[in-house]
PDB file of N, CA and C in Angstrom:
ATOM      1  N   UNK A   1       0.857  -1.171   0.000  1.00  0.00           N
ATOM      2  CA  UNK A   1       0.000   0.000   0.000  1.00  0.00           C
ATOM      3  C   UNK A   1       0.902   1.233   0.000  1.00  0.00           C
ATOM      4  N   UNK A   2       0.610   2.146  -0.919  1.00  0.00           N
ATOM      5  CA  UNK A   2       1.435   3.337  -1.059  1.00  0.00           C
ATOM      6  C   UNK A   2       1.086   4.404  -0.029  1.00  0.00           C
ATOM      7  N   UNK A   3       1.909   5.411  -0.021  1.00  0.00           N
ATOM      8  CA  UNK A   3       1.722   6.522   0.917  1.00  0.00           C
ATOM      9  C   UNK A   3       0.408   7.248   0.633  1.00  0.00           C
ATOM     10  N   UNK A   4       0.099   7.447  -0.642  1.00  0.00           N
ATOM     11  CA  UNK A   4      -1.133   8.151  -0.992  1.00  0.00           C
ATOM     12  C   UNK A   4      -2.371   7.377  -0.551  1.00  0.00           C
ATOM     13  N   UNK A   5      -2.299   6.064  -0.637  1.00  0.00           N
ATOM     14  CA  UNK A   5      -3.427   5.246  -0.196  1.00  0.00           C
ATOM     15  C   UNK A   5      -3.618   5.378   1.306  1.00  0.00           C
ATOM     16  N   UNK A   6      -2.518   5.409   2.053  1.00  0.00           N
ATOM     17  CA  UNK A   6      -2.609   5.579   3.506  1.00  0.00           C
ATOM     18  C   UNK A   6      -3.204   6.945   3.856  1.00  0.00           C
ATOM     19  N   UNK A   7      -2.781   7.968   3.128  1.00  0.00           N
ATOM     20  CA  UNK A   7      -3.319   9.308   3.379  1.00  0.00           C
ATOM     21  C   UNK A   7      -4.816   9.329   3.124  1.00  0.00           C
ATOM     22  N   UNK A   8      -5.241   8.713   2.045  1.00  0.00           N
ATOM     23  CA  UNK A   8      -6.670   8.664   1.740  1.00  0.00           C
ATOM     24  C   UNK A   8      -7.441   7.876   2.784  1.00  0.00           C
ATOM     25  N   UNK A   9      -6.850   6.788   3.274  1.00  0.00           N
ATOM     26  CA  UNK A   9      -7.524   5.988   4.295  1.00  0.00           C
ATOM     27  C   UNK A   9      -7.710   6.771   5.589  1.00  0.00           C
ATOM     28  N   UNK A  10      -6.796   7.675   5.875  1.00  0.00           N
ATOM     29  CA  UNK A  10      -6.874   8.457   7.108  1.00  0.00           C
ATOM     30  C   UNK A  10      -7.649   9.759   6.883  1.00  0.00           C
ATOM     31  N   UNK A  11      -7.380  10.462   5.793  1.00  0.00           N
ATOM     32  CA  UNK A  11      -7.954  11.789   5.575  1.00  0.00           C
ATOM     33  C   UNK A  11      -9.441  11.752   5.265  1.00  0.00           C
ATOM     34  N   UNK A  12      -9.891  10.799   4.478  1.00  0.00           N
ATOM     35  CA  UNK A  12     -11.303  10.751   4.100  1.00  0.00           C
ATOM     36  C   UNK A  12     -12.200  10.513   5.309  1.00  0.00           C
ATOM     37  N   UNK A  13     -11.907   9.517   6.169  1.00  0.00           N
ATOM     38  CA  UNK A  13     -12.775   9.349   7.345  1.00  0.00           C
ATOM     39  C   UNK A  13     -12.778  10.576   8.266  1.00  0.00           C
ATOM     40  N   UNK A  14     -11.640  11.235   8.403  1.00  0.00           N
ATOM     41  CA  UNK A  14     -11.589  12.432   9.250  1.00  0.00           C
ATOM     42  C   UNK A  14     -12.468  13.528   8.651  1.00  0.00           C
ATOM     43  N   UNK A  15     -12.411  13.713   7.345  1.00  0.00           N
ATOM     44  CA  UNK A  15     -13.244  14.721   6.684  1.00  0.00           C
ATOM     45  C   UNK A  15     -14.720  14.406   6.847  1.00  0.00           C
ATOM     46  N   UNK A  16     -15.077  13.124   6.780  1.00  0.00           N
ATOM     47  CA  UNK A  16     -16.476  12.722   6.951  1.00  0.00           C
ATOM     48  C   UNK A  16     -16.932  12.991   8.379  1.00  0.00           C
ATOM     49  N   UNK A  17     -16.083  12.675   9.346  1.00  0.00           N
ATOM     50  CA  UNK A  17     -16.422  12.908  10.758  1.00  0.00           C
ATOM     51  C   UNK A  17     -16.595  14.404  11.012  1.00  0.00           C
ATOM     52  N   UNK A  18     -15.677  15.211  10.493  1.00  0.00           N
ATOM     53  CA  UNK A  18     -15.781  16.658  10.689  1.00  0.00           C
ATOM     54  C   UNK A  18     -17.041  17.216  10.044  1.00  0.00           C
ATOM     55  N   UNK A  19     -17.376  16.726   8.864  1.00  0.00           N
ATOM     56  CA  UNK A  19     -18.586  17.190   8.192  1.00  0.00           C
ATOM     57  C   UNK A  19     -19.830  16.770   8.960  1.00  0.00           C
ATOM     58  N   UNK A  20     -19.816  15.560   9.515  1.00  0.00           N
ATOM     59  CA  UNK A  20     -20.968  15.074  10.268  1.00  0.00           C
ATOM     60  C   UNK A  20     -21.168  15.888  11.543  1.00  0.00           C
ATOM     61  N   UNK A  21     -20.088  16.294  12.147  1.00  0.00           N
ATOM     62  CA  UNK A  21     -20.180  17.078  13.387  1.00  0.00           C
ATOM     63  C   UNK A  21     -20.297  18.576  13.107  1.00  0.00           C
ATOM     64  N   UNK A  22     -20.253  18.932  11.847  1.00  0.00           N
ATOM     65  CA  UNK A  22     -20.328  20.332  11.417  1.00  0.00           C
ATOM     66  C   UNK A  22     -19.244  21.191  12.053  1.00  0.00           C
ATOM     67  N   UNK A  23     -18.077  20.624  12.136  1.00  0.00           N
ATOM     68  CA  UNK A  23     -16.930  21.364  12.640  1.00  0.00           C
ATOM     69  C   UNK A  23     -16.307  22.078  11.455  1.00  0.00           C
ATOM     70  N   UNK A  24     -16.145  23.356  11.584  1.00  0.00           N
ATOM     71  CA  UNK A  24     -15.575  24.137  10.497  1.00  0.00           C
ATOM     72  C   UNK A  24     -14.062  24.131  10.613  1.00  0.00           C
ATOM     73  N   UNK A  25     -13.433  23.735   9.560  1.00  0.00           N
ATOM     74  CA  UNK A  25     -11.982  23.780   9.508  1.00  0.00           C
ATOM     75  C   UNK A  25     -11.598  25.201   9.128  1.00  0.00           C
ATOM     76  N   UNK A  26     -10.673  25.775   9.865  1.00  0.00           N
ATOM     77  CA  UNK A  26     -10.281  27.161   9.619  1.00  0.00           C
ATOM     78  C   UNK A  26      -9.560  27.296   8.286  1.00  0.00           C
ATOM     79  N   UNK A  27      -9.714  28.466   7.712  1.00  0.00           N
ATOM     80  CA  UNK A  27      -9.002  28.776   6.475  1.00  0.00           C
ATOM     81  C   UNK A  27      -7.512  28.822   6.769  1.00  0.00           C
ATOM     82  N   UNK A  28      -6.696  28.530   5.787  1.00  0.00           N
ATOM     83  CA  UNK A  28      -5.255  28.597   6.028  1.00  0.00           C
ATOM     84  C   UNK A  28      -4.863  30.002   6.467  1.00  0.00           C
ATOM     85  N   UNK A  29      -3.977  30.063   7.415  1.00  0.00           N
ATOM     86  CA  UNK A  29      -3.553  31.360   7.933  1.00  0.00           C
ATOM     87  C   UNK A  29      -2.048  31.501   7.785  1.00  0.00           C
ATOM     88  N   UNK A  30      -1.596  32.711   7.917  1.00  0.00           N
ATOM     89  CA  UNK A  30      -0.165  32.964   7.932  1.00  0.00           C
ATOM     90  C   UNK A  30       0.099  34.053   8.960  1.00  0.00           C
ATOM     91  N   UNK A  31       1.342  34.168   9.359  1.00  0.00           N
ATOM     92  CA  UNK A  31       1.692  35.142  10.367  1.00  0.00           C
ATOM     93  C   UNK A  31       1.935  36.502   9.736  1.00  0.00           C
ATOM     94  N   UNK A  32       1.439  37.534  10.408  1.00  0.00           N
ATOM     95  CA  UNK A  32       1.677  38.908   9.995  1.00  0.00           C
ATOM     96  C   UNK A  32       2.595  39.520  11.039  1.00  0.00           C
ATOM     97  N   UNK A  33       3.596  40.228  10.599  1.00  0.00           N
ATOM     98  CA  UNK A  33       4.553  40.813  11.538  1.00  0.00           C
ATOM     99  C   UNK A  33       3.845  41.846  12.414  1.00  0.00           C
ATOM    100  N   UNK A  34       3.955  41.669  13.719  1.00  0.00           N
ATOM    101  CA  UNK A  34       3.307  42.555  14.684  1.00  0.00           C
ATOM    102  C   UNK A  34       4.383  43.204  15.553  1.00  0.00           C
ATOM    103  N   UNK A  35       4.034  44.273  16.268  1.00  0.00           N
ATOM    104  CA  UNK A  35       5.013  44.921  17.131  1.00  0.00           C
ATOM    105  C   UNK A  35       5.542  43.968  18.188  1.00  0.00           C
ATOM    106  N   UNK A  36       6.762  44.179  18.554  1.00  0.00           N
ATOM    107  CA  UNK A  36       7.512  43.427  19.566  1.00  0.00           C
ATOM    108  C   UNK A  36       7.445  41.935  19.293  1.00  0.00           C
ATOM    109  N   UNK A  37       7.175  41.156  20.309  1.00  0.00           N
ATOM    110  CA  UNK A  37       7.240  39.700  20.185  1.00  0.00           C
ATOM    111  C   UNK A  37       5.888  39.074  19.853  1.00  0.00           C
ATOM    112  N   UNK A  38       4.854  39.864  19.742  1.00  0.00           N
ATOM    113  CA  UNK A  38       3.518  39.330  19.505  1.00  0.00           C
ATOM    114  C   UNK A  38       3.335  38.936  18.051  1.00  0.00           C
ATOM    115  N   UNK A  39       2.585  37.885  17.820  1.00  0.00           N
ATOM    116  CA  UNK A  39       2.245  37.469  16.467  1.00  0.00           C
ATOM    117  C   UNK A  39       0.736  37.395  16.364  1.00  0.00           C
ATOM    118  N   UNK A  40       0.205  37.804  15.249  1.00  0.00           N
ATOM    119  CA  UNK A  40      -1.234  37.813  15.028  1.00  0.00           C
ATOM    120  C   UNK A  40      -1.529  36.894  13.862  1.00  0.00           C
ATOM    121  N   UNK A  41      -2.479  35.987  14.043  1.00  0.00           N
ATOM    122  CA  UNK A  41      -2.848  35.092  12.953  1.00  0.00           C
ATOM    123  C   UNK A  41      -3.971  35.739  12.151  1.00  0.00           C
ATOM    124  N   UNK A  42      -3.762  35.827  10.855  1.00  0.00           N
ATOM    125  CA  UNK A  42      -4.731  36.444   9.956  1.00  0.00           C
ATOM    126  C   UNK A  42      -5.074  35.438   8.872  1.00  0.00           C
ATOM    127  N   UNK A  43      -6.367  35.222   8.597  1.00  0.00           N
ATOM    128  CA  UNK A  43      -6.717  34.311   7.507  1.00  0.00           C
ATOM    129  C   UNK A  43      -6.106  34.790   6.195  1.00  0.00           C
ATOM    130  N   UNK A  44      -5.657  33.842   5.394  1.00  0.00           N
ATOM    131  CA  UNK A  44      -4.986  34.188   4.142  1.00  0.00           C
ATOM    132  C   UNK A  44      -5.906  34.973   3.215  1.00  0.00           C
ATOM    133  N   UNK A  45      -7.203  34.675   3.233  1.00  0.00           N
ATOM    134  CA  UNK A  45      -8.122  35.368   2.336  1.00  0.00           C
ATOM    135  C   UNK A  45      -8.383  36.808   2.756  1.00  0.00           C
ATOM    136  N   UNK A  46      -7.988  37.195   3.971  1.00  0.00           N
ATOM    137  CA  UNK A  46      -8.233  38.554   4.460  1.00  0.00           C
ATOM    138  C   UNK A  46      -7.241  39.556   3.884  1.00  0.00           C
ATOM    139  N   UNK A  47      -6.178  39.081   3.298  1.00  0.00           N
ATOM    140  CA  UNK A  47      -5.151  39.971   2.778  1.00  0.00           C
ATOM    141  C   UNK A  47      -5.416  40.286   1.307  1.00  0.00           C
ATOM    142  N   UNK A  48      -6.384  41.114   1.057  1.00  0.00           N
ATOM    143  CA  UNK A  48      -6.665  41.539  -0.311  1.00  0.00           C
ATOM    144  C   UNK A  48      -6.156  42.958  -0.493  1.00  0.00           C
ATOM    145  N   UNK A  49      -6.212  43.455  -1.711  1.00  0.00           N
ATOM    146  CA  UNK A  49      -5.732  44.810  -1.962  1.00  0.00           C
ATOM    147  C   UNK A  49      -6.586  45.836  -1.223  1.00  0.00           C
ATOM    148  N   UNK A  50      -7.873  45.531  -1.027  1.00  0.00           N
ATOM    149  CA  UNK A  50      -8.747  46.447  -0.299  1.00  0.00           C
ATOM    150  C   UNK A  50      -8.290  46.592   1.142  1.00  0.00           C
ATOM    151  N   UNK A  51      -7.943  45.471   1.785  1.00  0.00           N
ATOM    152  CA  UNK A  51      -7.523  45.505   3.183  1.00  0.00           C
ATOM    153  C   UNK A  51      -6.129  46.098   3.343  1.00  0.00           C
ATOM    154  N   UNK A  52      -5.330  46.032   2.306  1.00  0.00           N
ATOM    155  CA  UNK A  52      -3.957  46.509   2.414  1.00  0.00           C
ATOM    156  C   UNK A  52      -3.868  48.030   2.350  1.00  0.00           C
ATOM    157  N   UNK A  53      -4.910  48.692   1.865  1.00  0.00           N
ATOM    158  CA  UNK A  53      -4.876  50.143   1.776  1.00  0.00           C
ATOM    159  C   UNK A  53      -5.002  50.754   3.166  1.00  0.00           C
ATOM    160  N   UNK A  54      -4.092  51.645   3.479  1.00  0.00           N
ATOM    161  CA  UNK A  54      -4.104  52.293   4.789  1.00  0.00           C
ATOM    162  C   UNK A  54      -5.009  53.517   4.740  1.00  0.00           C
ATOM    163  N   UNK A  55      -5.642  53.806   5.866  1.00  0.00           N
ATOM    164  CA  UNK A  55      -6.469  55.008   5.967  1.00  0.00           C
ATOM    165  C   UNK A  55      -5.541  56.210   6.036  1.00  0.00           C
ATOM    166  N   UNK A  56      -5.788  57.181   5.224  1.00  0.00           N
ATOM    167  CA  UNK A  56      -4.978  58.393   5.217  1.00  0.00           C
ATOM    168  C   UNK A  56      -5.842  59.566   5.684  1.00  0.00           C
ATOM    169  N   UNK A  57      -5.505  60.122   6.858  1.00  0.00           N
ATOM    170  CA  UNK A  57      -6.302  61.244   7.355  1.00  0.00           C
ATOM    171  C   UNK A  57      -6.132  62.481   6.472  1.00  0.00           C
ATOM    172  N   UNK A  58      -7.147  63.330   6.486  1.00  0.00           N
ATOM    173  CA  UNK A  58      -7.088  64.577   5.725  1.00  0.00           C
ATOM    174  C   UNK A  58      -6.144  65.546   6.420  1.00  0.00           C
ATOM    175  N   UNK A  59      -5.867  66.660   5.761  1.00  0.00           N
ATOM    176  CA  UNK A  59      -4.972  67.661   6.344  1.00  0.00           C
ATOM    177  C   UNK A  59      -5.530  68.211   7.650  1.00  0.00           C
ATOM    178  N   UNK A  60      -6.836  68.448   7.696  1.00  0.00           N
ATOM    179  CA  UNK A  60      -7.449  68.965   8.922  1.00  0.00           C
ATOM    180  C   UNK A  60      -7.318  67.964  10.064  1.00  0.00           C
ATOM    181  N   UNK A  61      -7.529  66.692   9.757  1.00  0.00           N
ATOM    182  CA  UNK A  61      -7.385  65.658  10.790  1.00  0.00           C
ATOM    183  C   UNK A  61      -5.942  65.556  11.255  1.00  0.00           C
ATOM    184  N   UNK A  62      -4.999  65.682  10.324  1.00  0.00           N
ATOM    185  CA  UNK A  62      -3.579  65.649  10.682  1.00  0.00           C
ATOM    186  C   UNK A  62      -3.230  66.790  11.629  1.00  0.00           C
ATOM    187  N   UNK A  63      -3.737  67.979  11.321  1.00  0.00           N
ATOM    188  CA  UNK A  63      -3.465  69.145  12.165  1.00  0.00           C
ATOM    189  C   UNK A  63      -4.044  68.935  13.559  1.00  0.00           C
ATOM    190  N   UNK A  64      -5.274  68.428  13.625  1.00  0.00           N
ATOM    191  CA  UNK A  64      -5.916  68.193  14.916  1.00  0.00           C
ATOM    192  C   UNK A  64      -5.166  67.133  15.719  1.00  0.00           C
ATOM    193  N   UNK A  65      -4.790  66.027  15.064  1.00  0.00           N
ATOM    194  CA  UNK A  65      -4.075  64.963  15.768  1.00  0.00           C
ATOM    195  C   UNK A  65      -2.728  65.447  16.285  1.00  0.00           C
ATOM    196  N   UNK A  66      -2.003  66.216  15.481  1.00  0.00           N
ATOM    197  CA  UNK A  66      -0.705  66.699  15.947  1.00  0.00           C
ATOM    198  C   UNK A  66      -0.867  67.698  17.094  1.00  0.00           C
ATOM    199  N   UNK A  67      -1.916  68.519  17.050  1.00  0.00           N
ATOM    200  CA  UNK A  67      -2.154  69.457  18.148  1.00  0.00           C
ATOM    201  C   UNK A  67      -2.492  68.703  19.434  1.00  0.00           C
ATOM    202  N   UNK A  68      -3.347  67.670  19.313  1.00  0.00           N
ATOM    203  CA  UNK A  68      -3.688  66.869  20.494  1.00  0.00           C
ATOM    204  C   UNK A  68      -2.448  66.180  21.056  1.00  0.00           C
ATOM    205  N   UNK A  69      -1.591  65.671  20.176  1.00  0.00           N
ATOM    206  CA  UNK A  69      -0.360  65.027  20.635  1.00  0.00           C
ATOM    207  C   UNK A  69       0.533  66.020  21.374  1.00  0.00           C
ATOM    208  N   UNK A  70       0.608  67.255  20.886  1.00  0.00           N
ATOM    209  CA  UNK A  70       1.389  68.285  21.576  1.00  0.00           C
ATOM    210  C   UNK A  70       0.833  68.546  22.968  1.00  0.00           C
ATOM    211  N   UNK A  71      -0.490  68.637  23.081  1.00  0.00           N
ATOM    212  CA  UNK A  71      -1.120  68.875  24.379  1.00  0.00           C
ATOM    213  C   UNK A  71      -0.822  67.720  25.339  1.00  0.00           C
ATOM    214  N   UNK A  72      -0.903  66.506  24.831  1.00  0.00           N
ATOM    215  CA  UNK A  72      -0.649  65.334  25.671  1.00  0.00           C
ATOM    216  C   UNK A  72       0.822  65.261  26.083  1.00  0.00           C
ATOM    217  N   UNK A  73       1.729  65.613  25.181  1.00  0.00           N
ATOM    218  CA  UNK A  73       3.153  65.616  25.542  1.00  0.00           C
ATOM    219  C   UNK A  73       3.428  66.691  26.586  1.00  0.00           C
ATOM    220  N   UNK A  74       2.719  67.815  26.514  1.00  0.00           N
ATOM    221  CA  UNK A  74       2.891  68.871  27.517  1.00  0.00           C
ATOM    222  C   UNK A  74       2.419  68.407  28.896  1.00  0.00           C
ATOM    223  N   UNK A  75       1.501  67.427  28.914  1.00  0.00           N
ATOM    224  CA  UNK A  75       1.015  66.893  30.190  1.00  0.00           C
ATOM    225  C   UNK A  75       1.961  65.860  30.793  1.00  0.00           C
ATOM    226  N   UNK A  76       2.958  65.404  30.020  1.00  0.00           N
ATOM    227  CA  UNK A  76       3.925  64.453  30.555  1.00  0.00           C
ATOM    228  C   UNK A  76       3.937  63.098  29.867  1.00  0.00           C
ATOM    229  N   UNK A  77       3.093  62.903  28.873  1.00  0.00           N
ATOM    230  CA  UNK A  77       3.108  61.654  28.116  1.00  0.00           C
ATOM    231  C   UNK A  77       4.263  61.699  27.124  1.00  0.00           C
ATOM    232  N   UNK A  78       4.870  60.529  26.860  1.00  0.00           N
ATOM    233  CA  UNK A  78       5.914  60.513  25.836  1.00  0.00           C
ATOM    234  C   UNK A  78       5.264  60.497  24.454  1.00  0.00           C
ATOM    235  N   UNK A  79       6.088  60.542  23.424  1.00  0.00           N
ATOM    236  CA  UNK A  79       5.577  60.656  22.051  1.00  0.00           C
ATOM    237  C   UNK A  79       4.663  59.494  21.676  1.00  0.00           C
ATOM    238  N   UNK A  80       5.049  58.272  22.047  1.00  0.00           N
ATOM    239  CA  UNK A  80       4.268  57.092  21.681  1.00  0.00           C
ATOM    240  C   UNK A  80       2.950  57.021  22.450  1.00  0.00           C
ATOM    241  N   UNK A  81       2.987  57.372  23.730  1.00  0.00           N
ATOM    242  CA  UNK A  81       1.764  57.391  24.528  1.00  0.00           C
ATOM    243  C   UNK A  81       0.799  58.444  23.995  1.00  0.00           C
ATOM    244  N   UNK A  82       1.330  59.619  23.668  1.00  0.00           N
ATOM    245  CA  UNK A  82       0.490  60.699  23.138  1.00  0.00           C
ATOM    246  C   UNK A  82      -0.138  60.289  21.816  1.00  0.00           C
ATOM    247  N   UNK A  83       0.645  59.637  20.954  1.00  0.00           N
ATOM    248  CA  UNK A  83       0.113  59.203  19.659  1.00  0.00           C
ATOM    249  C   UNK A  83      -0.959  58.138  19.850  1.00  0.00           C
ATOM    250  N   UNK A  84      -0.754  57.217  20.801  1.00  0.00           N
ATOM    251  CA  UNK A  84      -1.743  56.158  21.051  1.00  0.00           C
ATOM    252  C   UNK A  84      -3.051  56.747  21.563  1.00  0.00           C
ATOM    253  N   UNK A  85      -2.970  57.680  22.491  1.00  0.00           N
ATOM    254  CA  UNK A  85      -4.183  58.309  23.028  1.00  0.00           C
ATOM    255  C   UNK A  85      -4.908  59.110  21.953  1.00  0.00           C
ATOM    256  N   UNK A  86      -4.156  59.851  21.175  1.00  0.00           N
ATOM    257  CA  UNK A  86      -4.763  60.670  20.128  1.00  0.00           C
ATOM    258  C   UNK A  86      -5.402  59.797  19.052  1.00  0.00           C
ATOM    259  N   UNK A  87      -4.717  58.739  18.645  1.00  0.00           N
ATOM    260  CA  UNK A  87      -5.248  57.846  17.606  1.00  0.00           C
ATOM    261  C   UNK A  87      -6.472  57.085  18.092  1.00  0.00           C
ATOM    262  N   UNK A  88      -6.558  56.820  19.392  1.00  0.00           N
ATOM    263  CA  UNK A  88      -7.704  56.092  19.946  1.00  0.00           C
ATOM    264  C   UNK A  88      -8.921  56.995  20.118  1.00  0.00           C
ATOM    265  N   UNK A  89      -8.744  58.289  19.892  1.00  0.00           N
ATOM    266  CA  UNK A  89      -9.872  59.208  20.015  1.00  0.00           C
ATOM    267  C   UNK A  89     -10.168  59.612  21.447  1.00  0.00           C
ATOM    268  N   UNK A  90      -9.204  59.419  22.331  1.00  0.00           N
ATOM    269  CA  UNK A  90      -9.377  59.803  23.734  1.00  0.00           C
ATOM    270  C   UNK A  90      -9.226  61.318  23.834  1.00  0.00           C
ATOM    271  N   UNK A  91     -10.153  61.956  24.503  1.00  0.00           N
ATOM    272  CA  UNK A  91     -10.093  63.404  24.678  1.00  0.00           C
ATOM    273  C   UNK A  91      -8.901  63.762  25.562  1.00  0.00           C
ATOM    274  N   UNK A  92      -8.128  64.741  25.140  1.00  0.00           N
ATOM    275  CA  UNK A  92      -6.980  65.129  25.943  1.00  0.00           C
ATOM    276  C   UNK A  92      -7.429  65.794  27.238  1.00  0.00           C
ATOM    277  N   UNK A  93      -8.693  66.257  27.275  1.00  0.00           N
ATOM    278  CA  UNK A  93      -9.230  66.838  28.509  1.00  0.00           C
ATOM    279  C   UNK A  93      -9.353  65.769  29.594  1.00  0.00           C
ATOM    280  N   UNK A  94      -9.733  64.551  29.207  1.00  0.00           N
ATOM    281  CA  UNK A  94      -9.814  63.457  30.185  1.00  0.00           C
ATOM    282  C   UNK A  94      -8.432  63.145  30.747  1.00  0.00           C
ATOM    283  N   UNK A  95      -7.437  63.126  29.880  1.00  0.00           N
ATOM    284  CA  UNK A  95      -6.068  62.882  30.332  1.00  0.00           C
ATOM    285  C   UNK A  95      -5.602  64.015  31.241  1.00  0.00           C
ATOM    286  N   UNK A  96      -5.954  65.233  30.886  1.00  0.00           N
ATOM    287  CA  UNK A  96      -5.547  66.388  31.686  1.00  0.00           C
ATOM    288  C   UNK A  96      -6.144  66.317  33.092  1.00  0.00           C
ATOM    289  N   UNK A  97      -7.414  65.933  33.183  1.00  0.00           N
ATOM    290  CA  UNK A  97      -8.050  65.822  34.504  1.00  0.00           C
ATOM    291  C   UNK A  97      -7.302  64.833  35.393  1.00  0.00           C
ATOM    292  N   UNK A  98      -6.941  63.689  34.823  1.00  0.00           N
ATOM    293  CA  UNK A  98      -6.229  62.680  35.609  1.00  0.00           C
ATOM    294  C   UNK A  98      -4.847  63.176  36.034  1.00  0.00           C
ATOM    295  N   UNK A  99      -4.114  63.777  35.114  1.00  0.00           N
ATOM    296  CA  UNK A  99      -2.760  64.254  35.411  1.00  0.00           C
ATOM    297  C   UNK A  99      -2.804  65.375  36.446  1.00  0.00           C
ATOM    298  N   UNK A 100      -3.744  66.302  36.311  1.00  0.00           N
ATOM    299  CA  UNK A 100      -3.848  67.423  37.254  1.00  0.00           C
ATOM    300  C   UNK A 100      -4.197  66.944  38.666  1.00  0.00           C
ATOM    301  N   UNK A 101      -4.833  65.791  38.763  1.00  0.00           N
ATOM    302  CA  UNK A 101      -5.179  65.237  40.085  1.00  0.00           C
ATOM    303  C   UNK A 101      -4.068  64.356  40.654  1.00  0.00           C
ATOM    304  N   UNK A 102      -2.919  64.307  39.965  1.00  0.00           N
ATOM    305  CA  UNK A 102      -1.772  63.592  40.499  1.00  0.00           C
ATOM    306  C   UNK A 102      -1.568  62.188  39.960  1.00  0.00           C
ATOM    307  N   UNK A 103      -2.308  61.805  38.955  1.00  0.00           N
ATOM    308  CA  UNK A 103      -2.169  60.468  38.379  1.00  0.00           C
ATOM    309  C   UNK A 103      -0.929  60.442  37.478  1.00  0.00           C
ATOM    310  N   UNK A 104      -0.038  59.458  37.651  1.00  0.00           N
ATOM    311  CA  UNK A 104       1.127  59.369  36.762  1.00  0.00           C
ATOM    312  C   UNK A 104       0.689  59.059  35.322  1.00  0.00           C
ATOM    313  N   UNK A 105       1.440  59.530  34.332  1.00  0.00           N
ATOM    314  CA  UNK A 105       1.055  59.305  32.934  1.00  0.00           C
ATOM    315  C   UNK A 105       0.863  57.829  32.574  1.00  0.00           C
ATOM    316  N   UNK A 106       1.695  56.934  33.110  1.00  0.00           N
ATOM    317  CA  UNK A 106       1.568  55.508  32.786  1.00  0.00           C
ATOM    318  C   UNK A 106       0.235  54.953  33.277  1.00  0.00           C
ATOM    319  N   UNK A 107      -0.164  55.336  34.495  1.00  0.00           N
ATOM    320  CA  UNK A 107      -1.440  54.873  35.037  1.00  0.00           C
ATOM    321  C   UNK A 107      -2.603  55.513  34.275  1.00  0.00           C
ATOM    322  N   UNK A 108      -2.468  56.788  33.941  1.00  0.00           N
ATOM    323  CA  UNK A 108      -3.516  57.464  33.163  1.00  0.00           C
ATOM    324  C   UNK A 108      -3.698  56.781  31.812  1.00  0.00           C
ATOM    325  N   UNK A 109      -2.594  56.366  31.203  1.00  0.00           N
ATOM    326  CA  UNK A 109      -2.668  55.661  29.921  1.00  0.00           C
ATOM    327  C   UNK A 109      -3.433  54.354  30.075  1.00  0.00           C
ATOM    328  N   UNK A 110      -3.138  53.603  31.138  1.00  0.00           N
ATOM    329  CA  UNK A 110      -3.853  52.344  31.389  1.00  0.00           C
ATOM    330  C   UNK A 110      -5.339  52.583  31.634  1.00  0.00           C
ATOM    331  N   UNK A 111      -5.672  53.664  32.311  1.00  0.00           N
ATOM    332  CA  UNK A 111      -7.073  53.955  32.611  1.00  0.00           C
ATOM    333  C   UNK A 111      -7.845  54.437  31.385  1.00  0.00           C
ATOM    334  N   UNK A 112      -7.184  55.188  30.526  1.00  0.00           N
ATOM    335  CA  UNK A 112      -7.874  55.798  29.393  1.00  0.00           C
ATOM    336  C   UNK A 112      -8.012  54.880  28.187  1.00  0.00           C
ATOM    337  N   UNK A 113      -7.011  54.049  27.946  1.00  0.00           N
ATOM    338  CA  UNK A 113      -7.083  53.156  26.784  1.00  0.00           C
ATOM    339  C   UNK A 113      -7.880  51.910  27.132  1.00  0.00           C
ATOM    340  N   UNK A 114      -8.750  51.475  26.218  1.00  0.00           N
ATOM    341  CA  UNK A 114      -9.570  50.280  26.500  1.00  0.00           C
ATOM    342  C   UNK A 114      -8.748  49.015  26.521  1.00  0.00           C
TER     343      UNK A 114
END
């Protein structure tokens, strides 16, 4: 008995069992490079040209985001924390209230970001 025959003897019954139990086999996935050591599994079919296009903010949005980042940096947040808060749509007034009441920027970041 050849290797292909053995594969068929094993694979076909497994496919029948999975179909009978209505277990969905996941689509093939691949790893997408993520920040630091984290890896995110993304279905292969999700990577189309539509999904690959990045959102580009308008000039007005860019000006507003950079102004908010400046305000947050003035409160004591570093550049990355300020960018994360601004990109998440967190009001810098909420951050200001926490900082003015003595909350450290790291704790304020944990409280404000979901």
